[in-house]
Structure formats: structure tokens, C-alpha cells
N, C-alpha and C. Protein backbone atom coordinates (compact mmCIF):
# COMPACT_ATOMS: atom_id res chain seq x y z
N MET A 1 -4.03 -74.24 91.87
CA MET A 1 -3.03 -73.21 91.74
C MET A 1 -2.81 -72.53 93.08
N LEU A 2 -1.55 -72.36 93.47
CA LEU A 2 -1.22 -71.72 94.73
C LEU A 2 -1.39 -70.21 94.62
N GLU A 3 -1.91 -69.61 95.68
CA GLU A 3 -2.03 -68.16 95.72
C GLU A 3 -0.67 -67.57 96.05
N ARG A 4 -0.25 -66.59 95.29
CA ARG A 4 1.05 -65.95 95.49
C ARG A 4 0.96 -64.92 96.62
N THR A 5 1.98 -64.91 97.45
CA THR A 5 2.05 -63.94 98.53
C THR A 5 2.11 -62.52 97.97
N PRO A 6 1.35 -61.61 98.56
CA PRO A 6 1.41 -60.22 98.09
C PRO A 6 2.80 -59.62 98.28
N GLU A 7 3.16 -58.73 97.36
CA GLU A 7 4.42 -58.00 97.45
C GLU A 7 4.14 -56.50 97.39
N ILE A 8 5.06 -55.74 97.95
CA ILE A 8 4.98 -54.29 97.93
C ILE A 8 6.38 -53.77 97.62
N GLY A 9 6.49 -52.76 96.79
CA GLY A 9 7.79 -52.15 96.49
C GLY A 9 8.29 -51.33 97.66
N VAL A 10 9.58 -51.03 97.68
CA VAL A 10 10.16 -50.33 98.83
C VAL A 10 9.59 -48.93 99.02
N ASP A 11 9.35 -48.19 97.96
CA ASP A 11 8.82 -46.84 98.13
C ASP A 11 7.37 -46.88 98.61
N GLU A 12 6.59 -47.80 98.05
CA GLU A 12 5.21 -47.96 98.51
C GLU A 12 5.19 -48.43 99.97
N PHE A 13 6.10 -49.34 100.31
CA PHE A 13 6.22 -49.80 101.69
C PHE A 13 6.57 -48.63 102.61
N ALA A 14 7.54 -47.82 102.22
CA ALA A 14 7.96 -46.68 103.05
C ALA A 14 6.79 -45.74 103.32
N ALA A 15 5.92 -45.56 102.34
CA ALA A 15 4.77 -44.68 102.51
C ALA A 15 3.65 -45.32 103.33
N ALA A 16 3.52 -46.64 103.24
CA ALA A 16 2.38 -47.34 103.86
C ALA A 16 2.65 -47.87 105.26
N TRP A 17 3.91 -48.21 105.55
CA TRP A 17 4.22 -48.92 106.79
C TRP A 17 4.04 -48.05 108.02
N ARG A 18 3.35 -48.60 108.96
CA ARG A 18 3.22 -48.00 110.28
C ARG A 18 3.88 -48.99 111.23
N GLN A 19 4.73 -48.52 112.12
CA GLN A 19 5.55 -49.44 112.90
C GLN A 19 4.78 -50.31 113.87
N GLU A 20 3.48 -50.08 114.01
CA GLU A 20 2.70 -51.03 114.82
C GLU A 20 2.49 -52.35 114.08
N THR A 21 2.71 -52.36 112.78
CA THR A 21 2.69 -53.60 112.00
C THR A 21 4.12 -54.14 111.96
N PRO A 22 4.36 -55.34 112.50
CA PRO A 22 5.73 -55.86 112.55
C PRO A 22 6.38 -55.97 111.17
N LEU A 23 7.68 -55.68 111.14
CA LEU A 23 8.53 -55.89 109.97
C LEU A 23 9.57 -56.92 110.38
N ILE A 24 9.52 -58.09 109.76
CA ILE A 24 10.43 -59.18 110.07
C ILE A 24 11.52 -59.22 109.01
N ASP A 25 12.78 -59.11 109.43
CA ASP A 25 13.94 -59.18 108.54
C ASP A 25 14.48 -60.60 108.64
N VAL A 26 14.39 -61.36 107.55
CA VAL A 26 14.73 -62.79 107.58
C VAL A 26 16.17 -63.09 107.15
N ARG A 27 17.01 -62.07 107.08
CA ARG A 27 18.42 -62.30 106.75
C ARG A 27 19.16 -62.84 107.97
N SER A 28 20.42 -63.18 107.76
CA SER A 28 21.25 -63.68 108.86
C SER A 28 21.50 -62.55 109.86
N PRO A 29 21.82 -62.89 111.11
CA PRO A 29 22.13 -61.86 112.09
C PRO A 29 23.26 -60.92 111.64
N ASP A 30 24.26 -61.45 110.95
CA ASP A 30 25.36 -60.60 110.47
C ASP A 30 24.88 -59.61 109.42
N GLU A 31 24.04 -60.06 108.48
CA GLU A 31 23.49 -59.16 107.47
C GLU A 31 22.65 -58.08 108.12
N TYR A 32 21.82 -58.48 109.07
CA TYR A 32 20.95 -57.55 109.79
C TYR A 32 21.78 -56.51 110.54
N ALA A 33 22.84 -56.95 111.24
CA ALA A 33 23.67 -56.03 112.01
C ALA A 33 24.35 -55.00 111.12
N GLU A 34 24.68 -55.40 109.90
CA GLU A 34 25.36 -54.48 108.98
C GLU A 34 24.46 -53.31 108.59
N ALA A 35 23.21 -53.59 108.22
CA ALA A 35 22.27 -52.54 107.82
C ALA A 35 20.87 -53.12 107.79
N HIS A 36 19.93 -52.40 108.42
CA HIS A 36 18.54 -52.84 108.39
C HIS A 36 17.60 -51.64 108.46
N VAL A 37 16.37 -51.88 108.06
CA VAL A 37 15.33 -50.88 108.14
C VAL A 37 15.06 -50.60 109.62
N PRO A 38 15.04 -49.33 110.03
CA PRO A 38 14.75 -49.02 111.44
C PRO A 38 13.40 -49.63 111.85
N GLY A 39 13.40 -50.31 112.97
CA GLY A 39 12.19 -50.95 113.47
C GLY A 39 12.03 -52.40 113.06
N ALA A 40 12.86 -52.87 112.14
CA ALA A 40 12.79 -54.28 111.72
C ALA A 40 13.30 -55.18 112.84
N VAL A 41 12.69 -56.35 112.95
CA VAL A 41 13.08 -57.36 113.92
C VAL A 41 13.72 -58.52 113.17
N ASN A 42 14.90 -58.94 113.59
CA ASN A 42 15.61 -60.02 112.91
C ASN A 42 15.11 -61.38 113.37
N VAL A 43 14.54 -62.14 112.43
CA VAL A 43 14.15 -63.53 112.63
C VAL A 43 14.65 -64.27 111.40
N PRO A 44 15.82 -64.92 111.47
CA PRO A 44 16.39 -65.57 110.29
C PRO A 44 15.40 -66.53 109.62
N LEU A 45 15.54 -66.66 108.31
CA LEU A 45 14.64 -67.48 107.52
C LEU A 45 14.47 -68.89 108.09
N ALA A 46 15.56 -69.53 108.49
CA ALA A 46 15.46 -70.90 109.03
C ALA A 46 14.55 -70.94 110.25
N ASP A 47 14.60 -69.91 111.09
CA ASP A 47 13.75 -69.86 112.27
C ASP A 47 12.28 -69.67 111.89
N VAL A 48 12.03 -68.84 110.89
CA VAL A 48 10.66 -68.64 110.41
C VAL A 48 10.12 -69.95 109.86
N LEU A 49 10.91 -70.62 109.03
CA LEU A 49 10.45 -71.86 108.40
C LEU A 49 10.27 -72.99 109.41
N ALA A 50 11.03 -72.95 110.51
CA ALA A 50 10.91 -73.99 111.54
C ALA A 50 9.63 -73.84 112.36
N ALA A 51 9.10 -72.63 112.46
CA ALA A 51 7.90 -72.40 113.28
C ALA A 51 7.05 -71.27 112.70
N PRO A 52 6.55 -71.43 111.48
CA PRO A 52 5.77 -70.34 110.88
C PRO A 52 4.47 -70.04 111.62
N GLN A 53 3.97 -71.01 112.36
CA GLN A 53 2.72 -70.82 113.10
C GLN A 53 2.83 -69.75 114.19
N ARG A 54 4.05 -69.39 114.58
CA ARG A 54 4.19 -68.35 115.61
C ARG A 54 3.70 -67.00 115.11
N PHE A 55 3.52 -66.87 113.80
CA PHE A 55 3.04 -65.62 113.21
C PHE A 55 1.57 -65.69 112.80
N ALA A 56 0.91 -66.82 113.10
CA ALA A 56 -0.50 -66.99 112.73
C ALA A 56 -1.34 -65.84 113.28
N ASP A 57 -2.31 -65.45 112.50
CA ASP A 57 -3.26 -64.38 112.87
C ASP A 57 -2.61 -63.01 113.03
N GLN A 58 -1.43 -62.81 112.45
CA GLN A 58 -0.76 -61.51 112.52
C GLN A 58 -0.71 -60.88 111.13
N ASP A 59 -0.79 -59.55 111.11
CA ASP A 59 -0.45 -58.77 109.92
C ASP A 59 1.02 -58.45 110.05
N LEU A 60 1.81 -58.64 108.99
CA LEU A 60 3.22 -58.31 109.06
C LEU A 60 3.80 -58.12 107.68
N TYR A 61 4.93 -57.44 107.66
CA TYR A 61 5.74 -57.30 106.47
C TYR A 61 6.98 -58.15 106.67
N VAL A 62 7.54 -58.66 105.56
CA VAL A 62 8.74 -59.49 105.61
C VAL A 62 9.73 -58.92 104.60
N ILE A 63 10.99 -58.78 105.04
CA ILE A 63 12.03 -58.21 104.19
C ILE A 63 13.30 -59.05 104.29
N CYS A 64 14.09 -59.05 103.22
CA CYS A 64 15.40 -59.71 103.22
C CYS A 64 16.36 -58.78 102.48
N ARG A 65 17.33 -59.32 101.75
CA ARG A 65 18.26 -58.46 101.00
C ARG A 65 17.61 -57.92 99.74
N SER A 66 16.99 -58.84 98.95
CA SER A 66 16.46 -58.39 97.66
C SER A 66 15.02 -58.85 97.38
N GLY A 67 14.47 -59.73 98.17
CA GLY A 67 13.08 -60.14 97.99
C GLY A 67 12.84 -61.63 97.89
N GLY A 68 13.88 -62.43 97.63
CA GLY A 68 13.68 -63.87 97.48
C GLY A 68 13.37 -64.58 98.78
N ARG A 69 14.20 -64.37 99.79
CA ARG A 69 13.97 -65.03 101.09
C ARG A 69 12.70 -64.52 101.75
N SER A 70 12.41 -63.24 101.58
CA SER A 70 11.20 -62.70 102.21
C SER A 70 9.95 -63.30 101.59
N ALA A 71 9.96 -63.55 100.29
CA ALA A 71 8.81 -64.19 99.64
C ALA A 71 8.62 -65.61 100.16
N THR A 72 9.73 -66.34 100.33
CA THR A 72 9.67 -67.70 100.88
C THR A 72 9.10 -67.69 102.29
N ALA A 73 9.59 -66.77 103.12
CA ALA A 73 9.11 -66.67 104.51
C ALA A 73 7.64 -66.26 104.55
N ALA A 74 7.27 -65.29 103.73
CA ALA A 74 5.88 -64.83 103.71
C ALA A 74 4.95 -65.95 103.26
N ASP A 75 5.36 -66.72 102.26
CA ASP A 75 4.56 -67.87 101.83
C ASP A 75 4.32 -68.82 103.00
N ALA A 76 5.38 -69.11 103.76
CA ALA A 76 5.27 -70.06 104.88
C ALA A 76 4.36 -69.53 105.98
N VAL A 77 4.52 -68.27 106.36
CA VAL A 77 3.68 -67.77 107.46
C VAL A 77 2.24 -67.55 107.01
N ASN A 78 2.04 -67.21 105.74
CA ASN A 78 0.67 -67.09 105.24
C ASN A 78 -0.02 -68.44 105.23
N ALA A 79 0.71 -69.50 104.87
CA ALA A 79 0.14 -70.85 104.90
C ALA A 79 -0.23 -71.25 106.32
N ALA A 80 0.44 -70.64 107.32
CA ALA A 80 0.16 -70.93 108.73
C ALA A 80 -0.89 -70.00 109.31
N GLY A 81 -1.46 -69.11 108.49
CA GLY A 81 -2.56 -68.27 108.95
C GLY A 81 -2.23 -66.81 109.17
N ALA A 82 -1.05 -66.36 108.76
CA ALA A 82 -0.71 -64.94 108.88
C ALA A 82 -1.21 -64.18 107.65
N ARG A 83 -1.07 -62.88 107.71
CA ARG A 83 -1.37 -62.00 106.58
C ARG A 83 -0.09 -61.20 106.32
N ALA A 84 0.85 -61.83 105.62
CA ALA A 84 2.17 -61.25 105.39
C ALA A 84 2.30 -60.70 103.98
N VAL A 85 3.07 -59.62 103.87
CA VAL A 85 3.39 -59.00 102.60
C VAL A 85 4.91 -58.95 102.49
N SER A 86 5.45 -59.43 101.39
CA SER A 86 6.89 -59.41 101.14
C SER A 86 7.29 -58.06 100.54
N VAL A 87 8.41 -57.51 101.03
CA VAL A 87 8.91 -56.24 100.50
C VAL A 87 9.83 -56.54 99.32
N ALA A 88 9.33 -56.32 98.10
CA ALA A 88 10.09 -56.56 96.88
C ALA A 88 11.24 -55.56 96.80
N GLY A 89 12.41 -56.04 96.44
CA GLY A 89 13.59 -55.19 96.40
C GLY A 89 14.38 -55.23 97.68
N GLY A 90 13.73 -55.58 98.77
CA GLY A 90 14.39 -55.82 100.05
C GLY A 90 15.18 -54.65 100.59
N THR A 91 16.07 -54.98 101.51
CA THR A 91 16.90 -53.97 102.16
C THR A 91 17.82 -53.28 101.15
N ALA A 92 18.31 -54.02 100.16
CA ALA A 92 19.15 -53.40 99.13
C ALA A 92 18.37 -52.32 98.38
N GLY A 93 17.14 -52.61 98.03
CA GLY A 93 16.30 -51.62 97.36
C GLY A 93 15.98 -50.44 98.26
N TRP A 94 15.77 -50.73 99.54
CA TRP A 94 15.50 -49.68 100.54
C TRP A 94 16.69 -48.72 100.60
N ILE A 95 17.89 -49.27 100.67
CA ILE A 95 19.10 -48.45 100.74
C ILE A 95 19.29 -47.67 99.43
N ASP A 96 19.13 -48.36 98.29
CA ASP A 96 19.29 -47.71 96.99
C ASP A 96 18.31 -46.56 96.80
N ALA A 97 17.14 -46.65 97.42
CA ALA A 97 16.14 -45.59 97.31
C ALA A 97 16.44 -44.42 98.25
N GLY A 98 17.47 -44.56 99.09
CA GLY A 98 17.87 -43.47 99.96
C GLY A 98 17.16 -43.41 101.30
N HIS A 99 16.47 -44.48 101.67
CA HIS A 99 15.77 -44.50 102.95
C HIS A 99 16.77 -44.75 104.10
N GLU A 100 16.39 -44.31 105.28
CA GLU A 100 17.22 -44.45 106.47
C GLU A 100 17.46 -45.92 106.82
N VAL A 101 18.67 -46.22 107.28
CA VAL A 101 19.01 -47.56 107.78
C VAL A 101 19.69 -47.44 109.12
N LYS A 102 19.65 -48.52 109.86
CA LYS A 102 20.37 -48.67 111.11
C LYS A 102 21.38 -49.79 110.91
N GLY A 103 22.48 -49.76 111.66
CA GLY A 103 23.45 -50.84 111.60
C GLY A 103 24.87 -50.33 111.58
N SER A 104 25.78 -51.27 111.47
CA SER A 104 27.20 -50.96 111.56
C SER A 104 27.81 -50.38 110.30
N SER A 105 27.11 -50.42 109.18
CA SER A 105 27.69 -49.95 107.91
C SER A 105 27.50 -48.46 107.71
N GLN A 106 26.96 -47.79 108.69
CA GLN A 106 26.70 -46.35 108.54
C GLN A 106 27.95 -45.53 108.69
């Protein structure tokens, strides 16, 4: 049985995240430019899946729009030796909860 990647809800993430732990946003560059969590770094899912080992031995959070792509990315980087947590609810949940965003949609 495969071990499932850990997930964290947006409010729990907002309370726990310290920006010294990387937050990887795996959406497309256009989605990221529109609105993203402040401090998030855009690394599209295809790029993560092409080289998940670049995140080996790192603690990180992974976010997308709603949680599906981030879970896929976190699974891949964890299999490569990272310690990743997927943000359930994603950027949409972050926005719906009223947290600050950066981007062109402001």
C-alpha cells in the first residue's frame, strides 16, 4: 500500500507556515500571475514531475488551485526524498478564507 502524502488545510497552513519553508505553487504561470499566496514560488507541475529529485531532502509545502495538482506534485517529490505537504483547498481555498494574495487580480 502506498503512503499518502500529508495534507494541511488552508487555515492550518496559514497558522503554521513560516516562509523559510518553501511554498511551491504548481499551477501554470498565468494562473500564478493572476493570484498567489505571498511568498509562493511558481514551479509548474510538469516541471516538478520532470525533475522531482531537485527537491530531495527539502521540507516544503505544495499548492495549486484546489489541491489535486499539489497532491500529485507532493507525491512525486516525496518519492524522490523530499518531505512535502500538500495544501488542501489550494489557492482558491486560501482566497475564499480571506487570506492575502499577490497578483494581477487584486
